[in-house]
């Protein structure tokens, strides 16, 4: 079983979008039993809060529910619990490594670095553009699934 944790700053926009997009993709590929997928925050600002309403609406536009998801913070123990810890931007990566005490097993990576378009996933908290974030997350998750299926990750 491949255990994946998606991480962003608050765990109310990008990382829950990635969590539920990935769950949708693996479900459609009839691979749900091969994956365990969650998301978390590097900060404590949103702990216990639900998915940000515009992010929730964007997922719903694509038939994806995130009902019941509440923000939680990444812990050092998550490094041992998950095979891959995937951050949405460079700042997330830095904070993830700090929280986890480094990355000795090279499990921490940026989502879009797995694609032909490396970089940060657009942060809709600042841009207000949830469509761009959707496109970034979908591209990253599709590529992640392909890499895993082809045993390259």
N, C-alpha and C. Protein backbone atom coordinates (compact mmCIF):
# COMPACT_ATOMS: atom_id res chain seq x y z
N UNK A 1 0.84 -1.19 0.00
CA UNK A 1 0.00 0.00 0.00
C UNK A 1 0.88 1.24 0.00
N UNK A 2 0.55 2.19 -0.88
CA UNK A 2 1.28 3.45 -0.97
C UNK A 2 0.56 4.48 -0.10
N UNK A 3 1.31 5.04 0.85
CA UNK A 3 0.76 6.00 1.80
C UNK A 3 1.26 7.40 1.43
N UNK A 4 0.32 8.29 1.08
CA UNK A 4 0.66 9.62 0.59
C UNK A 4 0.03 10.69 1.48
N UNK A 5 0.84 11.68 1.85
CA UNK A 5 0.35 12.83 2.61
C UNK A 5 0.63 14.09 1.80
N UNK A 6 -0.44 14.82 1.47
CA UNK A 6 -0.31 16.10 0.78
C UNK A 6 -0.30 17.20 1.84
N UNK A 7 0.56 18.20 1.64
CA UNK A 7 0.75 19.23 2.67
C UNK A 7 0.77 20.63 2.04
N UNK A 8 0.05 21.55 2.69
CA UNK A 8 0.15 22.97 2.34
C UNK A 8 0.19 23.77 3.64
N UNK A 9 0.06 25.07 3.55
CA UNK A 9 0.19 25.90 4.74
C UNK A 9 -0.93 25.67 5.74
N UNK A 10 -2.20 25.75 5.29
CA UNK A 10 -3.31 25.70 6.23
C UNK A 10 -4.16 24.45 6.18
N UNK A 11 -4.01 23.63 5.13
CA UNK A 11 -4.79 22.40 4.95
C UNK A 11 -6.28 22.69 4.78
N UNK A 12 -6.57 23.82 4.08
CA UNK A 12 -7.97 24.12 3.79
C UNK A 12 -8.20 24.37 2.29
N UNK A 13 -7.15 24.49 1.50
CA UNK A 13 -7.31 24.74 0.06
C UNK A 13 -6.55 23.69 -0.77
N UNK A 14 -5.26 23.92 -0.95
CA UNK A 14 -4.49 23.11 -1.90
C UNK A 14 -4.30 21.66 -1.49
N UNK A 15 -3.87 21.41 -0.25
CA UNK A 15 -3.62 20.01 0.11
C UNK A 15 -4.90 19.18 0.21
N UNK A 16 -6.03 19.72 0.71
CA UNK A 16 -7.23 18.89 0.64
C UNK A 16 -7.70 18.69 -0.80
N UNK A 17 -7.50 19.71 -1.66
CA UNK A 17 -7.84 19.50 -3.06
C UNK A 17 -7.02 18.34 -3.63
N UNK A 18 -5.72 18.32 -3.34
CA UNK A 18 -4.86 17.24 -3.82
C UNK A 18 -5.28 15.90 -3.21
N UNK A 19 -5.60 15.89 -1.92
CA UNK A 19 -6.03 14.65 -1.27
C UNK A 19 -7.24 14.06 -1.98
N UNK A 20 -8.25 14.87 -2.22
CA UNK A 20 -9.48 14.33 -2.77
C UNK A 20 -9.42 14.12 -4.28
N UNK A 21 -8.61 14.88 -4.99
CA UNK A 21 -8.38 14.61 -6.41
C UNK A 21 -7.66 13.27 -6.55
N UNK A 22 -6.64 13.06 -5.72
CA UNK A 22 -5.90 11.80 -5.80
C UNK A 22 -6.79 10.62 -5.43
N UNK A 23 -7.61 10.77 -4.41
CA UNK A 23 -8.54 9.70 -4.04
C UNK A 23 -9.50 9.41 -5.20
N UNK A 24 -9.94 10.45 -5.88
CA UNK A 24 -10.84 10.28 -7.03
C UNK A 24 -10.12 9.54 -8.17
N UNK A 25 -8.90 9.94 -8.46
CA UNK A 25 -8.13 9.30 -9.53
C UNK A 25 -7.87 7.83 -9.25
N UNK A 26 -7.45 7.52 -8.03
CA UNK A 26 -7.17 6.11 -7.72
C UNK A 26 -8.46 5.30 -7.69
N UNK A 27 -9.55 5.93 -7.28
CA UNK A 27 -10.84 5.24 -7.30
C UNK A 27 -11.27 4.91 -8.72
N UNK A 28 -11.12 5.87 -9.62
CA UNK A 28 -11.50 5.65 -11.02
C UNK A 28 -10.61 4.61 -11.68
N UNK A 29 -9.39 4.46 -11.17
CA UNK A 29 -8.46 3.44 -11.70
C UNK A 29 -8.62 2.10 -10.98
N UNK A 30 -9.63 2.00 -10.11
CA UNK A 30 -9.88 0.79 -9.31
C UNK A 30 -8.66 0.39 -8.47
N UNK A 31 -7.99 1.40 -7.92
CA UNK A 31 -6.79 1.17 -7.13
C UNK A 31 -6.91 1.66 -5.68
N UNK A 32 -8.12 2.01 -5.26
CA UNK A 32 -8.30 2.58 -3.91
C UNK A 32 -7.71 1.70 -2.82
N UNK A 33 -7.80 0.39 -2.98
CA UNK A 33 -7.28 -0.54 -1.96
C UNK A 33 -5.75 -0.53 -1.87
N UNK A 34 -5.09 0.09 -2.87
CA UNK A 34 -3.63 0.14 -2.90
C UNK A 34 -3.07 1.44 -2.32
N UNK A 35 -3.96 2.35 -1.91
CA UNK A 35 -3.53 3.67 -1.46
C UNK A 35 -4.16 4.06 -0.14
N UNK A 36 -3.40 4.82 0.65
CA UNK A 36 -3.92 5.51 1.83
C UNK A 36 -3.49 6.97 1.65
N UNK A 37 -4.46 7.88 1.60
CA UNK A 37 -4.18 9.27 1.25
C UNK A 37 -4.80 10.21 2.28
N UNK A 38 -4.01 11.17 2.76
CA UNK A 38 -4.46 12.20 3.70
C UNK A 38 -3.84 13.53 3.29
N UNK A 39 -4.19 14.58 4.03
CA UNK A 39 -3.54 15.88 3.86
C UNK A 39 -3.37 16.54 5.22
N UNK A 40 -2.45 17.50 5.28
CA UNK A 40 -2.13 18.18 6.54
C UNK A 40 -1.58 19.57 6.25
N UNK A 41 -1.43 20.34 7.32
CA UNK A 41 -0.91 21.71 7.27
C UNK A 41 0.47 21.79 7.91
N UNK A 42 1.22 22.80 7.50
CA UNK A 42 2.46 23.08 8.22
C UNK A 42 2.20 24.05 9.37
N UNK A 43 1.11 24.80 9.30
CA UNK A 43 0.79 25.78 10.34
C UNK A 43 -0.32 25.27 11.25
N UNK A 44 -0.60 26.03 12.29
CA UNK A 44 -1.70 25.69 13.20
C UNK A 44 -2.91 26.59 12.99
N UNK A 45 -2.84 27.52 12.06
CA UNK A 45 -3.86 28.56 11.89
C UNK A 45 -5.27 28.03 11.65
N UNK A 46 -5.39 26.95 10.91
CA UNK A 46 -6.71 26.47 10.49
C UNK A 46 -7.11 25.14 11.12
N UNK A 47 -6.35 24.65 12.09
CA UNK A 47 -6.60 23.34 12.68
C UNK A 47 -8.08 23.21 13.09
N UNK A 48 -8.71 22.14 12.65
CA UNK A 48 -10.10 21.88 12.97
C UNK A 48 -11.11 22.50 12.03
N UNK A 49 -10.65 23.41 11.17
CA UNK A 49 -11.56 24.04 10.21
C UNK A 49 -11.77 23.14 9.00
N UNK A 50 -12.93 23.28 8.38
CA UNK A 50 -13.24 22.52 7.18
C UNK A 50 -12.55 23.10 5.96
N UNK A 51 -12.73 22.43 4.84
CA UNK A 51 -12.16 22.89 3.57
C UNK A 51 -12.78 24.26 3.24
N UNK A 52 -11.95 25.17 2.78
CA UNK A 52 -12.38 26.52 2.42
C UNK A 52 -13.49 26.44 1.38
N UNK A 53 -14.60 27.13 1.58
CA UNK A 53 -15.76 26.97 0.69
C UNK A 53 -15.48 27.06 -0.82
N UNK A 54 -14.66 28.02 -1.30
CA UNK A 54 -14.40 28.02 -2.76
C UNK A 54 -13.64 26.77 -3.23
N UNK A 55 -12.76 26.23 -2.39
CA UNK A 55 -12.06 24.99 -2.75
C UNK A 55 -13.05 23.83 -2.77
N UNK A 56 -13.93 23.80 -1.81
CA UNK A 56 -14.96 22.77 -1.74
C UNK A 56 -15.87 22.83 -2.98
N UNK A 57 -16.24 24.06 -3.38
CA UNK A 57 -17.07 24.23 -4.58
C UNK A 57 -16.35 23.77 -5.84
N UNK A 58 -15.06 24.06 -5.92
CA UNK A 58 -14.28 23.66 -7.11
C UNK A 58 -14.23 22.14 -7.21
N UNK A 59 -14.02 21.46 -6.11
CA UNK A 59 -14.04 20.00 -6.12
C UNK A 59 -15.42 19.50 -6.52
N UNK A 60 -16.46 20.10 -5.96
CA UNK A 60 -17.84 19.67 -6.26
C UNK A 60 -18.17 19.85 -7.74
N UNK A 61 -17.61 20.89 -8.38
CA UNK A 61 -17.82 21.09 -9.83
C UNK A 61 -17.38 19.86 -10.62
N UNK A 62 -16.43 19.13 -10.07
CA UNK A 62 -15.88 17.95 -10.74
C UNK A 62 -16.40 16.66 -10.11
N UNK A 63 -17.45 16.78 -9.34
CA UNK A 63 -18.09 15.60 -8.75
C UNK A 63 -17.32 14.97 -7.60
N UNK A 64 -16.48 15.77 -6.95
CA UNK A 64 -15.64 15.26 -5.86
C UNK A 64 -16.09 15.87 -4.54
N UNK A 65 -16.39 15.03 -3.57
CA UNK A 65 -16.79 15.48 -2.24
C UNK A 65 -15.59 15.46 -1.29
N UNK A 66 -15.55 16.46 -0.43
CA UNK A 66 -14.53 16.49 0.63
C UNK A 66 -15.21 16.64 1.98
N UNK A 67 -16.46 16.26 2.06
CA UNK A 67 -17.23 16.39 3.29
C UNK A 67 -16.54 15.67 4.44
N UNK A 68 -16.53 16.33 5.59
CA UNK A 68 -15.95 15.75 6.79
C UNK A 68 -14.48 16.06 7.00
N UNK A 69 -13.81 16.59 6.00
CA UNK A 69 -12.39 16.90 6.12
C UNK A 69 -12.20 18.12 7.00
N UNK A 70 -11.33 18.01 7.99
CA UNK A 70 -10.93 19.16 8.80
C UNK A 70 -9.41 19.24 8.81
N UNK A 71 -8.92 20.45 8.93
CA UNK A 71 -7.48 20.68 8.89
C UNK A 71 -6.80 20.08 10.11
N UNK A 72 -5.62 19.52 9.85
CA UNK A 72 -4.76 19.01 10.92
C UNK A 72 -3.32 19.41 10.60
N UNK A 73 -2.48 19.42 11.61
CA UNK A 73 -1.09 19.79 11.39
C UNK A 73 -0.22 18.56 11.17
N UNK A 74 0.74 18.72 10.29
CA UNK A 74 1.79 17.73 10.07
C UNK A 74 2.55 17.52 11.38
N UNK A 75 2.92 16.27 11.66
CA UNK A 75 3.73 15.95 12.83
C UNK A 75 5.00 15.23 12.38
N UNK A 76 5.98 15.21 13.24
CA UNK A 76 7.22 14.49 12.94
C UNK A 76 6.93 13.01 12.71
N UNK A 77 5.95 12.45 13.41
CA UNK A 77 5.59 11.05 13.24
C UNK A 77 5.04 10.74 11.85
N UNK A 78 4.46 11.75 11.19
CA UNK A 78 3.94 11.53 9.84
C UNK A 78 5.05 11.09 8.88
N UNK A 79 6.26 11.51 9.15
CA UNK A 79 7.37 11.12 8.27
C UNK A 79 7.51 9.60 8.23
N UNK A 80 7.30 8.95 9.35
CA UNK A 80 7.40 7.49 9.41
C UNK A 80 6.13 6.80 8.92
N UNK A 81 4.99 7.47 9.05
CA UNK A 81 3.70 6.88 8.67
C UNK A 81 3.44 6.88 7.17
N UNK A 82 4.08 7.79 6.43
CA UNK A 82 3.80 7.95 5.01
C UNK A 82 5.02 7.65 4.15
N UNK A 83 4.74 7.14 2.95
CA UNK A 83 5.82 6.86 1.98
C UNK A 83 6.24 8.11 1.24
N UNK A 84 5.28 8.99 0.98
CA UNK A 84 5.53 10.23 0.26
C UNK A 84 4.84 11.37 0.99
N UNK A 85 5.56 12.47 1.18
CA UNK A 85 5.00 13.68 1.77
C UNK A 85 5.16 14.76 0.71
N UNK A 86 4.04 15.22 0.16
CA UNK A 86 4.07 16.06 -1.02
C UNK A 86 3.56 17.45 -0.71
N UNK A 87 4.46 18.42 -0.78
CA UNK A 87 4.14 19.81 -0.50
C UNK A 87 3.70 20.54 -1.76
N UNK A 88 2.99 21.62 -1.54
CA UNK A 88 2.45 22.39 -2.66
C UNK A 88 3.40 23.50 -3.12
N UNK A 89 4.29 23.98 -2.25
CA UNK A 89 5.22 25.02 -2.67
C UNK A 89 6.53 24.92 -1.90
N UNK A 90 7.48 25.73 -2.29
CA UNK A 90 8.83 25.69 -1.70
C UNK A 90 8.82 25.98 -0.21
N UNK A 91 7.98 26.92 0.20
CA UNK A 91 7.91 27.24 1.63
C UNK A 91 7.37 26.04 2.40
N UNK A 92 6.36 25.35 1.85
CA UNK A 92 5.84 24.14 2.50
C UNK A 92 6.96 23.13 2.68
N UNK A 93 7.77 22.93 1.64
CA UNK A 93 8.85 21.95 1.68
C UNK A 93 9.81 22.28 2.82
N UNK A 94 10.19 23.54 2.91
CA UNK A 94 11.10 23.97 3.98
C UNK A 94 10.49 23.70 5.35
N UNK A 95 9.22 24.08 5.52
CA UNK A 95 8.55 23.86 6.81
C UNK A 95 8.36 22.38 7.11
N UNK A 96 8.06 21.58 6.09
CA UNK A 96 7.90 20.14 6.28
C UNK A 96 9.20 19.52 6.78
N UNK A 97 10.31 19.89 6.17
CA UNK A 97 11.60 19.35 6.59
C UNK A 97 11.93 19.77 8.02
N UNK A 98 11.56 20.98 8.37
CA UNK A 98 11.79 21.46 9.74
C UNK A 98 10.96 20.64 10.73
N UNK A 99 9.68 20.46 10.45
CA UNK A 99 8.79 19.71 11.34
C UNK A 99 9.22 18.26 11.47
N UNK A 100 9.64 17.67 10.34
CA UNK A 100 10.01 16.24 10.31
C UNK A 100 11.44 15.98 10.73
N UNK A 101 12.21 17.03 10.98
CA UNK A 101 13.61 16.84 11.37
C UNK A 101 14.49 16.45 10.20
N UNK A 102 14.18 16.96 9.03
CA UNK A 102 14.94 16.66 7.82
C UNK A 102 14.18 15.72 6.91
N UNK A 103 14.90 15.20 5.93
CA UNK A 103 14.31 14.27 4.96
C UNK A 103 15.34 13.22 4.56
N UNK A 104 15.80 12.40 5.52
CA UNK A 104 16.86 11.44 5.23
C UNK A 104 16.49 10.38 4.19
N UNK A 105 15.19 10.10 4.02
CA UNK A 105 14.77 9.07 3.06
C UNK A 105 14.25 9.66 1.75
N UNK A 106 14.42 10.97 1.57
CA UNK A 106 13.97 11.65 0.34
C UNK A 106 12.51 11.38 0.02
N UNK A 107 11.67 11.51 1.02
CA UNK A 107 10.22 11.31 0.87
C UNK A 107 9.48 12.61 0.59
N UNK A 108 10.11 13.74 0.86
CA UNK A 108 9.45 15.04 0.75
C UNK A 108 9.74 15.63 -0.63
N UNK A 109 8.66 16.03 -1.32
CA UNK A 109 8.82 16.62 -2.66
C UNK A 109 7.67 17.57 -2.96
N UNK A 110 7.89 18.44 -3.94
CA UNK A 110 6.85 19.36 -4.40
C UNK A 110 6.02 18.67 -5.48
N UNK A 111 4.72 18.84 -5.42
CA UNK A 111 3.82 18.16 -6.34
C UNK A 111 4.16 18.43 -7.80
N UNK A 112 4.31 19.69 -8.17
CA UNK A 112 4.54 19.99 -9.59
C UNK A 112 5.94 19.63 -10.07
N UNK A 113 6.85 19.33 -9.14
CA UNK A 113 8.18 18.88 -9.56
C UNK A 113 8.12 17.49 -10.19
N UNK A 114 6.99 16.81 -10.04
CA UNK A 114 6.81 15.49 -10.64
C UNK A 114 6.34 15.61 -12.10
N UNK A 115 6.08 16.82 -12.55
CA UNK A 115 5.53 17.06 -13.89
C UNK A 115 6.58 17.70 -14.81
N UNK A 116 6.16 17.94 -16.03
CA UNK A 116 7.01 18.66 -16.99
C UNK A 116 6.97 20.17 -16.75
N UNK A 117 6.21 20.58 -15.74
CA UNK A 117 6.06 22.00 -15.40
C UNK A 117 6.36 22.21 -13.93
N UNK A 118 7.64 22.00 -13.50
CA UNK A 118 7.97 22.10 -12.08
C UNK A 118 7.71 23.51 -11.53
N UNK A 119 7.42 23.55 -10.24
CA UNK A 119 7.21 24.83 -9.58
C UNK A 119 6.20 24.68 -8.47
N UNK A 120 5.71 25.82 -8.00
CA UNK A 120 4.75 25.85 -6.91
C UNK A 120 3.32 25.73 -7.44
N UNK A 121 2.48 25.03 -6.70
CA UNK A 121 1.04 25.01 -6.98
C UNK A 121 0.51 26.39 -6.61
N UNK A 122 -0.25 26.99 -7.51
CA UNK A 122 -0.80 28.32 -7.26
C UNK A 122 -1.62 28.31 -5.97
N UNK A 123 -1.42 29.33 -5.14
CA UNK A 123 -2.12 29.41 -3.87
C UNK A 123 -3.37 30.29 -4.02
N UNK A 124 -4.56 29.67 -4.05
CA UNK A 124 -5.77 30.45 -4.26
C UNK A 124 -6.15 31.34 -3.09
N UNK A 125 -5.54 31.11 -1.93
CA UNK A 125 -5.81 31.96 -0.78
C UNK A 125 -5.43 33.40 -1.11
N UNK A 126 -4.35 33.55 -1.92
CA UNK A 126 -3.86 34.88 -2.29
C UNK A 126 -4.35 35.31 -3.66
N UNK A 127 -4.48 34.36 -4.59
CA UNK A 127 -4.87 34.72 -5.96
C UNK A 127 -6.38 34.77 -6.15
N UNK A 128 -7.12 33.99 -5.36
CA UNK A 128 -8.56 33.87 -5.56
C UNK A 128 -8.92 33.03 -6.78
N UNK A 129 -7.91 32.50 -7.46
CA UNK A 129 -8.12 31.75 -8.70
C UNK A 129 -8.07 30.25 -8.41
N UNK A 130 -9.22 29.70 -8.11
CA UNK A 130 -9.28 28.28 -7.77
C UNK A 130 -9.18 27.39 -9.00
N UNK A 131 -9.47 27.93 -10.17
CA UNK A 131 -9.34 27.14 -11.41
C UNK A 131 -7.87 26.84 -11.70
N UNK A 132 -7.01 27.82 -11.56
CA UNK A 132 -5.57 27.59 -11.77
C UNK A 132 -5.05 26.56 -10.78
N UNK A 133 -5.47 26.67 -9.53
CA UNK A 133 -5.05 25.70 -8.51
C UNK A 133 -5.57 24.32 -8.89
N UNK A 134 -6.83 24.23 -9.32
CA UNK A 134 -7.40 22.95 -9.76
C UNK A 134 -6.53 22.33 -10.85
N UNK A 135 -6.17 23.13 -11.86
CA UNK A 135 -5.36 22.62 -12.97
C UNK A 135 -3.99 22.13 -12.49
N UNK A 136 -3.36 22.89 -11.61
CA UNK A 136 -2.06 22.49 -11.06
C UNK A 136 -2.18 21.17 -10.29
N UNK A 137 -3.18 21.09 -9.42
CA UNK A 137 -3.37 19.89 -8.58
C UNK A 137 -3.70 18.68 -9.45
N UNK A 138 -4.58 18.85 -10.40
CA UNK A 138 -4.96 17.74 -11.27
C UNK A 138 -3.75 17.23 -12.05
N UNK A 139 -2.99 18.13 -12.65
CA UNK A 139 -1.79 17.74 -13.39
C UNK A 139 -0.81 16.98 -12.49
N UNK A 140 -0.55 17.52 -11.31
CA UNK A 140 0.39 16.89 -10.39
C UNK A 140 -0.07 15.52 -9.93
N UNK A 141 -1.35 15.41 -9.60
CA UNK A 141 -1.87 14.12 -9.12
C UNK A 141 -1.91 13.08 -10.23
N UNK A 142 -2.26 13.50 -11.44
CA UNK A 142 -2.25 12.55 -12.57
C UNK A 142 -0.84 12.02 -12.80
N UNK A 143 0.15 12.90 -12.75
CA UNK A 143 1.53 12.48 -12.96
C UNK A 143 2.01 11.60 -11.80
N UNK A 144 1.64 11.96 -10.58
CA UNK A 144 2.01 11.16 -9.43
C UNK A 144 1.47 9.74 -9.56
N UNK A 145 0.22 9.62 -9.94
CA UNK A 145 -0.37 8.29 -10.11
C UNK A 145 0.36 7.50 -11.19
N UNK A 146 0.68 8.14 -12.30
CA UNK A 146 1.41 7.45 -13.37
C UNK A 146 2.78 6.97 -12.89
N UNK A 147 3.48 7.82 -12.16
CA UNK A 147 4.80 7.44 -11.66
C UNK A 147 4.70 6.25 -10.71
N UNK A 148 3.70 6.25 -9.87
CA UNK A 148 3.52 5.14 -8.93
C UNK A 148 3.14 3.87 -9.68
N UNK A 149 2.20 3.97 -10.61
CA UNK A 149 1.78 2.80 -11.39
C UNK A 149 2.95 2.20 -12.18
N UNK A 150 3.83 3.05 -12.66
CA UNK A 150 5.00 2.59 -13.42
C UNK A 150 6.20 2.29 -12.53
N UNK A 151 5.94 2.27 -11.20
CA UNK A 151 6.96 1.93 -10.19
C UNK A 151 8.20 2.81 -10.27
N UNK A 152 7.97 4.09 -10.59
CA UNK A 152 9.06 5.05 -10.61
C UNK A 152 9.08 5.89 -9.34
N UNK A 153 8.09 5.68 -8.49
CA UNK A 153 8.03 6.34 -7.18
C UNK A 153 7.55 5.33 -6.15
